[in-house]
């Protein structure tokens, strides 16, 4: 099985119905799909790759002295002494930093800020186009998902970008690049490395590669889309395996609800809701403590108590 690859340019043309069906399949049966011909200029993607790779080179020395590196060195030394060692399960082999509208961005390399502002603006527009396709496939009014994430326009959605690198790992048997999890938010758009793999999605009990594909944008649905769709779309478990060779670049952008908004299933009158109503910020409080655990207890934890 291969993660679906969808030509997004065909959404407007003779093959629209087939393209919408492909998007529905990706959302309902995978929780992951890849978009090609998505409208983001390839020249911009080339610049993004360049500035993010350069930013890691400036951070590389710090990663070499980081806790994951030191932990592996201690385990390797213990093995040399003949001691039994177990894989690490409480940290990731990952260098990361975050970009959003209100935090401080790296000033080096010099082109980083301008390039990533341009990129994030394009990604945000693409996310909203994807959400409109999801609205239509779910039988919802156009813009329903965006309205849910913004409190009918009262708040700005939270749009964050995580810039990650997974450097070559000398002992991939002892640590994970990124532990298995589902994403807490709405729609996630990933510009992943087109040469170094490692990203896997859980499909029907089997871990499958999300194959590197040049200039594609990987889309996956988060927990809030699962709730809004009342379970028709599912947030998928995924992970990153560390590689002995190659420095994997990963740039994930998250179109999430505003922390203040109430999230609830978009169900018709008389239909049963499979998920509780809650405030997204409350869900995030639980998620931050339970990210790598089963998602179902998170929904239970934010469920409002029934009135007596």
Protein backbone atom coordinates (compact mmCIF):
# COMPACT_ATOMS: atom_id res chain seq x y z
CA UNK A 1 0.00 0.00 0.00
CA UNK A 2 1.14 3.53 -0.82
CA UNK A 3 0.00 6.78 0.78
CA UNK A 4 -2.34 8.44 -1.77
CA UNK A 5 -0.78 11.05 -4.08
CA UNK A 6 -3.31 13.62 -5.35
CA UNK A 7 -2.91 16.16 -8.15
CA UNK A 8 -4.52 19.16 -6.49
CA UNK A 9 -4.62 21.16 -9.74
CA UNK A 10 -7.34 18.79 -11.01
CA UNK A 11 -9.74 20.07 -8.35
CA UNK A 12 -10.79 22.70 -10.89
CA UNK A 13 -11.48 20.91 -14.12
CA UNK A 14 -12.98 17.84 -15.76
CA UNK A 15 -11.49 15.51 -13.13
CA UNK A 16 -12.88 17.38 -10.12
CA UNK A 17 -15.19 14.57 -8.96
CA UNK A 18 -12.40 12.01 -9.10
CA UNK A 19 -10.05 14.36 -7.23
CA UNK A 20 -12.64 15.00 -4.52
CA UNK A 21 -13.08 11.24 -4.16
CA UNK A 22 -9.33 10.83 -3.76
CA UNK A 23 -9.30 13.47 -1.02
CA UNK A 24 -12.19 11.71 0.72
CA UNK A 25 -10.30 8.40 0.56
CA UNK A 26 -7.17 10.03 1.99
CA UNK A 27 -9.14 11.53 4.88
CA UNK A 28 -11.39 8.58 5.65
CA UNK A 29 -9.09 5.61 5.11
CA UNK A 30 -5.60 6.97 5.72
CA UNK A 31 -5.58 10.28 7.60
CA UNK A 32 -2.63 11.07 5.30
CA UNK A 33 -2.21 12.00 1.64
CA UNK A 34 0.28 13.86 -0.53
CA UNK A 35 -0.51 16.82 -2.76
CA UNK A 36 1.34 17.59 -5.97
CA UNK A 37 0.64 20.59 -8.24
CA UNK A 38 -0.64 22.35 -5.13
CA UNK A 39 0.06 25.88 -6.32
CA UNK A 40 2.99 26.74 -4.07
CA UNK A 41 5.82 28.03 -6.29
CA UNK A 42 8.62 25.50 -6.63
CA UNK A 43 11.13 28.33 -6.47
CA UNK A 44 9.79 29.20 -3.02
CA UNK A 45 10.07 25.56 -1.89
CA UNK A 46 13.71 25.54 -3.03
CA UNK A 47 14.38 28.64 -0.93
CA UNK A 48 12.65 27.07 2.08
CA UNK A 49 14.84 23.98 1.80
CA UNK A 50 17.93 26.14 1.60
CA UNK A 51 17.26 28.44 4.56
CA UNK A 52 16.08 25.60 6.81
CA UNK A 53 19.13 23.49 6.00
CA UNK A 54 21.36 26.48 6.67
CA UNK A 55 19.59 27.14 9.97
CA UNK A 56 20.37 23.60 11.10
CA UNK A 57 24.05 23.99 10.29
CA UNK A 58 24.07 26.89 12.74
CA UNK A 59 22.42 24.67 15.38
CA UNK A 60 24.33 21.46 14.73
CA UNK A 61 26.98 21.94 17.42
CA UNK A 62 24.25 22.44 20.03
CA UNK A 63 22.53 19.23 18.96
CA UNK A 64 25.78 17.29 19.36
CA UNK A 65 25.78 18.21 23.04
CA UNK A 66 22.04 17.67 23.52
CA UNK A 67 20.43 15.21 25.92
CA UNK A 68 19.54 12.59 23.24
CA UNK A 69 23.16 12.49 22.02
CA UNK A 70 24.54 12.28 25.54
CA UNK A 71 22.03 9.55 26.42
CA UNK A 72 23.06 7.39 23.47
CA UNK A 73 26.71 7.88 24.36
CA UNK A 74 26.01 6.67 27.92
CA UNK A 75 24.11 3.63 26.63
CA UNK A 76 26.90 2.76 24.19
CA UNK A 77 29.45 3.02 26.99
CA UNK A 78 27.30 0.78 29.19
CA UNK A 79 27.18 -1.80 26.40
CA UNK A 80 30.96 -1.72 26.08
CA UNK A 81 31.11 -2.57 29.78
CA UNK A 82 28.94 -5.60 29.07
CA UNK A 83 25.77 -4.17 30.62
CA UNK A 84 22.32 -4.79 29.16
CA UNK A 85 20.66 -1.64 27.84
CA UNK A 86 17.06 -0.88 26.82
CA UNK A 87 15.84 1.53 24.12
CA UNK A 88 15.03 5.07 25.23
CA UNK A 89 11.28 5.75 25.33
CA UNK A 90 11.05 9.25 26.78
CA UNK A 91 12.89 11.43 24.23
CA UNK A 92 13.32 11.89 20.49
CA UNK A 93 16.32 12.11 18.16
CA UNK A 94 15.21 15.48 16.80
CA UNK A 95 16.38 19.09 16.58
CA UNK A 96 13.39 21.45 16.52
CA UNK A 97 12.27 25.04 16.73
CA UNK A 98 8.88 26.63 16.24
CA UNK A 99 7.59 29.58 14.25
CA UNK A 100 4.33 31.38 14.87
CA UNK A 101 3.17 34.96 14.61
CA UNK A 102 4.14 35.97 18.13
CA UNK A 103 7.52 34.37 18.81
CA UNK A 104 11.09 35.24 17.93
CA UNK A 105 12.42 33.81 14.67
CA UNK A 106 16.05 33.07 13.80
CA UNK A 107 17.83 36.01 12.18
CA UNK A 108 20.41 33.73 10.53
CA UNK A 109 20.60 32.91 7.73
CA UNK A 110 19.62 36.45 6.63
CA UNK A 111 16.95 35.24 4.17
CA UNK A 112 15.24 33.01 6.74
CA UNK A 113 12.56 35.37 8.04
CA UNK A 114 11.44 36.71 4.66
CA UNK A 115 11.40 33.25 3.08
CA UNK A 116 9.47 31.60 5.90
CA UNK A 117 6.93 34.43 6.13
CA UNK A 118 6.22 34.00 2.43
CA UNK A 119 6.06 30.23 2.78
CA UNK A 120 3.73 30.30 5.78
CA UNK A 121 1.35 32.66 3.97
CA UNK A 122 1.17 30.24 1.03
CA UNK A 123 0.71 27.23 3.32
CA UNK A 124 -2.11 28.91 5.21
CA UNK A 125 -3.99 29.55 1.97
CA UNK A 126 -3.42 25.96 0.87
CA UNK A 127 -4.70 24.65 4.21
CA UNK A 128 -7.92 26.63 3.78
CA UNK A 129 -8.40 25.26 0.26
CA UNK A 130 -7.94 21.74 1.59
CA UNK A 131 -10.40 22.44 4.40
CA UNK A 132 -13.00 23.64 1.88
CA UNK A 133 -12.63 20.35 0.01
CA UNK A 134 -13.13 18.52 3.30
CA UNK A 135 -16.23 20.63 4.02
CA UNK A 136 -17.73 19.63 0.69
CA UNK A 137 -16.94 15.95 1.12
CA UNK A 138 -18.49 16.00 4.59
CA UNK A 139 -21.63 17.69 3.31
CA UNK A 140 -20.94 20.85 5.30
CA UNK A 141 -21.34 24.45 4.19
CA UNK A 142 -18.28 25.94 2.53
CA UNK A 143 -16.04 27.47 5.20
CA UNK A 144 -17.60 25.46 8.04
CA UNK A 145 -14.29 24.04 9.25
CA UNK A 146 -12.58 27.43 9.18
CA UNK A 147 -15.54 28.94 11.05
CA UNK A 148 -15.28 26.23 13.70
CA UNK A 149 -11.57 26.89 14.16
CA UNK A 150 -12.04 30.67 14.43
CA UNK A 151 -15.22 30.92 16.46
CA UNK A 152 -17.09 32.19 13.37
CA UNK A 153 -14.31 34.67 12.68
CA UNK A 154 -13.99 36.09 16.20
CA UNK A 155 -10.47 34.70 16.63
CA UNK A 156 -7.53 34.01 14.37
CA UNK A 157 -6.69 30.33 13.95
CA UNK A 158 -3.45 29.23 15.53
CA UNK A 159 -1.02 28.66 12.68
CA UNK A 160 2.34 27.29 13.75
CA UNK A 161 5.32 25.81 11.94
CA UNK A 162 7.72 23.26 13.38
CA UNK A 163 11.15 23.13 11.71
CA UNK A 164 12.79 19.79 12.47
CA UNK A 165 15.93 17.94 11.54
CA UNK A 166 16.68 14.30 12.31
CA UNK A 167 20.47 14.01 12.07
CA UNK A 168 22.25 10.73 11.32
CA UNK A 169 21.78 8.44 14.30
CA UNK A 170 24.55 5.95 15.26
CA UNK A 171 22.12 3.67 17.13
CA UNK A 172 18.62 3.78 15.63
CA UNK A 173 17.82 0.63 17.58
CA UNK A 174 18.01 2.57 20.85
CA UNK A 175 15.94 5.71 20.16
CA UNK A 176 13.10 6.97 17.97
CA UNK A 177 13.30 10.01 15.72
CA UNK A 178 9.83 11.05 16.87
CA UNK A 179 7.65 8.78 18.98
CA UNK A 180 4.29 7.60 17.64
CA UNK A 181 1.43 10.06 18.17
CA UNK A 182 -1.57 11.71 16.57
CA UNK A 183 -1.58 15.46 16.01
CA UNK A 184 -3.71 17.52 18.36
CA UNK A 185 -4.93 20.19 15.99
CA UNK A 186 -6.70 20.60 12.68
CA UNK A 187 -5.01 20.25 9.31
CA UNK A 188 -1.26 19.63 9.13
CA UNK A 189 0.80 20.35 6.02
CA UNK A 190 4.28 18.87 5.89
CA UNK A 191 7.09 19.73 3.50
CA UNK A 192 9.30 16.73 4.10
CA UNK A 193 12.74 15.78 2.91
CA UNK A 194 12.64 14.47 -0.65
CA UNK A 195 15.64 12.15 -0.18
CA UNK A 196 15.80 10.96 3.44
CA UNK A 197 12.80 8.92 4.55
CA UNK A 198 11.73 7.81 8.00
CA UNK A 199 8.15 9.08 8.32
CA UNK A 200 5.65 6.25 8.81
CA UNK A 201 1.87 6.16 9.21
CA UNK A 202 -0.09 3.40 10.93
CA UNK A 203 -2.59 1.89 8.51
CA UNK A 204 -4.69 -1.17 9.42
CA UNK A 205 -2.20 -2.19 12.08
CA UNK A 206 0.84 -1.87 9.80
CA UNK A 207 3.47 0.86 9.73
CA UNK A 208 3.87 2.17 6.17
CA UNK A 209 6.36 4.63 4.70
CA UNK A 210 5.18 8.09 3.72
CA UNK A 211 7.35 7.99 0.63
CA UNK A 212 9.60 11.01 -0.06
CA UNK A 213 8.28 12.83 -3.13
CA UNK A 214 9.96 15.92 -4.51
CA UNK A 215 8.02 19.18 -3.99
CA UNK A 216 4.95 17.43 -2.57
CA UNK A 217 3.06 18.63 0.49
CA UNK A 218 1.96 15.88 2.86
CA UNK A 219 -1.43 16.52 4.48
CA UNK A 220 -2.68 14.80 7.59
CA UNK A 221 -5.77 15.30 9.69
CA UNK A 222 -5.52 16.07 13.39
CA UNK A 223 -7.69 15.24 16.37
CA UNK A 224 -9.93 18.30 15.87
CA UNK A 225 -10.86 17.26 12.34
CA UNK A 226 -11.75 13.84 13.72
CA UNK A 227 -14.09 15.49 16.23
CA UNK A 228 -15.59 17.96 13.76
CA UNK A 229 -16.31 15.13 11.30
CA UNK A 230 -17.79 13.06 14.14
CA UNK A 231 -15.28 10.31 13.47
CA UNK A 232 -15.73 10.06 9.71
CA UNK A 233 -12.17 11.36 9.34
CA UNK A 234 -9.63 9.94 11.77
CA UNK A 235 -6.37 11.40 13.01
CA UNK A 236 -3.69 8.89 12.13
CA UNK A 237 -0.87 7.61 14.30
CA UNK A 238 2.52 8.42 12.80
CA UNK A 239 6.18 8.37 13.79
CA UNK A 240 9.67 9.15 12.48
CA UNK A 241 12.40 6.52 12.51
CA UNK A 242 15.99 7.72 12.88
CA UNK A 243 18.39 6.91 10.06
CA UNK A 244 22.06 5.99 10.23
CA UNK A 245 22.74 7.99 7.08
CA UNK A 246 21.20 11.28 5.99
CA UNK A 247 19.93 14.33 7.83
CA UNK A 248 16.15 14.37 7.43
CA UNK A 249 14.55 17.82 7.10
CA UNK A 250 10.90 18.21 8.09
CA UNK A 251 8.83 21.41 8.03
CA UNK A 252 5.34 20.87 9.44
CA UNK A 253 2.72 23.62 9.57
CA UNK A 254 -0.38 23.29 11.74
CA UNK A 255 -3.68 25.02 10.99
CA UNK A 256 -5.28 24.68 14.42
CA UNK A 257 -8.29 26.16 16.17
CA UNK A 258 -7.82 29.26 18.26
CA UNK A 259 -7.29 28.25 21.88
CA UNK A 260 -10.47 30.10 22.93
CA UNK A 261 -12.94 28.37 20.60
CA UNK A 262 -15.39 25.61 21.45
CA UNK A 263 -15.05 22.47 19.35
CA UNK A 264 -17.92 20.06 18.75
CA UNK A 265 -18.98 17.51 16.15
CA UNK A 266 -20.77 19.00 13.13
CA UNK A 267 -23.81 16.73 13.20
CA UNK A 268 -27.30 17.26 11.89
CA UNK A 269 -30.34 17.72 14.07
CA UNK A 270 -31.18 14.52 15.88
CA UNK A 271 -27.89 12.84 15.01
CA UNK A 272 -25.79 11.41 17.81
CA UNK A 273 -22.47 13.08 18.58
CA UNK A 274 -19.64 10.60 19.13
CA UNK A 275 -17.38 13.19 20.79
CA UNK A 276 -17.87 15.76 23.56
CA UNK A 277 -17.96 19.54 23.24
CA UNK A 278 -14.95 21.30 24.76
CA UNK A 279 -12.67 24.33 24.49
CA UNK A 280 -9.61 23.66 22.33
CA UNK A 281 -7.22 25.22 24.85
CA UNK A 282 -8.43 22.74 27.47
CA UNK A 283 -7.77 19.89 25.06
CA UNK A 284 -4.24 21.16 24.46
CA UNK A 285 -3.58 21.20 28.20
CA UNK A 286 -4.37 17.48 28.29
CA UNK A 287 -2.58 16.72 25.01
CA UNK A 288 0.68 18.29 26.16
CA UNK A 289 0.76 15.78 29.02
CA UNK A 290 -0.48 12.77 27.04
CA UNK A 291 0.79 13.33 23.48
CA UNK A 292 2.31 9.88 23.10
CA UNK A 293 -0.59 8.03 24.71
CA UNK A 294 -3.94 6.87 23.33
CA UNK A 295 -6.12 9.74 22.15
CA UNK A 296 -9.49 8.46 23.40
CA UNK A 297 -8.80 9.26 27.09
CA UNK A 298 -7.96 12.84 26.05
CA UNK A 299 -11.49 13.32 24.76
CA UNK A 300 -12.90 11.86 27.97
CA UNK A 301 -10.69 14.15 30.07
CA UNK A 302 -12.14 17.33 28.54
CA UNK A 303 -15.76 16.18 28.53
CA UNK A 304 -17.94 18.55 30.52
CA UNK A 305 -19.66 16.86 33.49
CA UNK A 306 -23.37 16.22 33.02
CA UNK A 307 -25.73 18.46 34.92
CA UNK A 308 -27.36 16.79 37.90
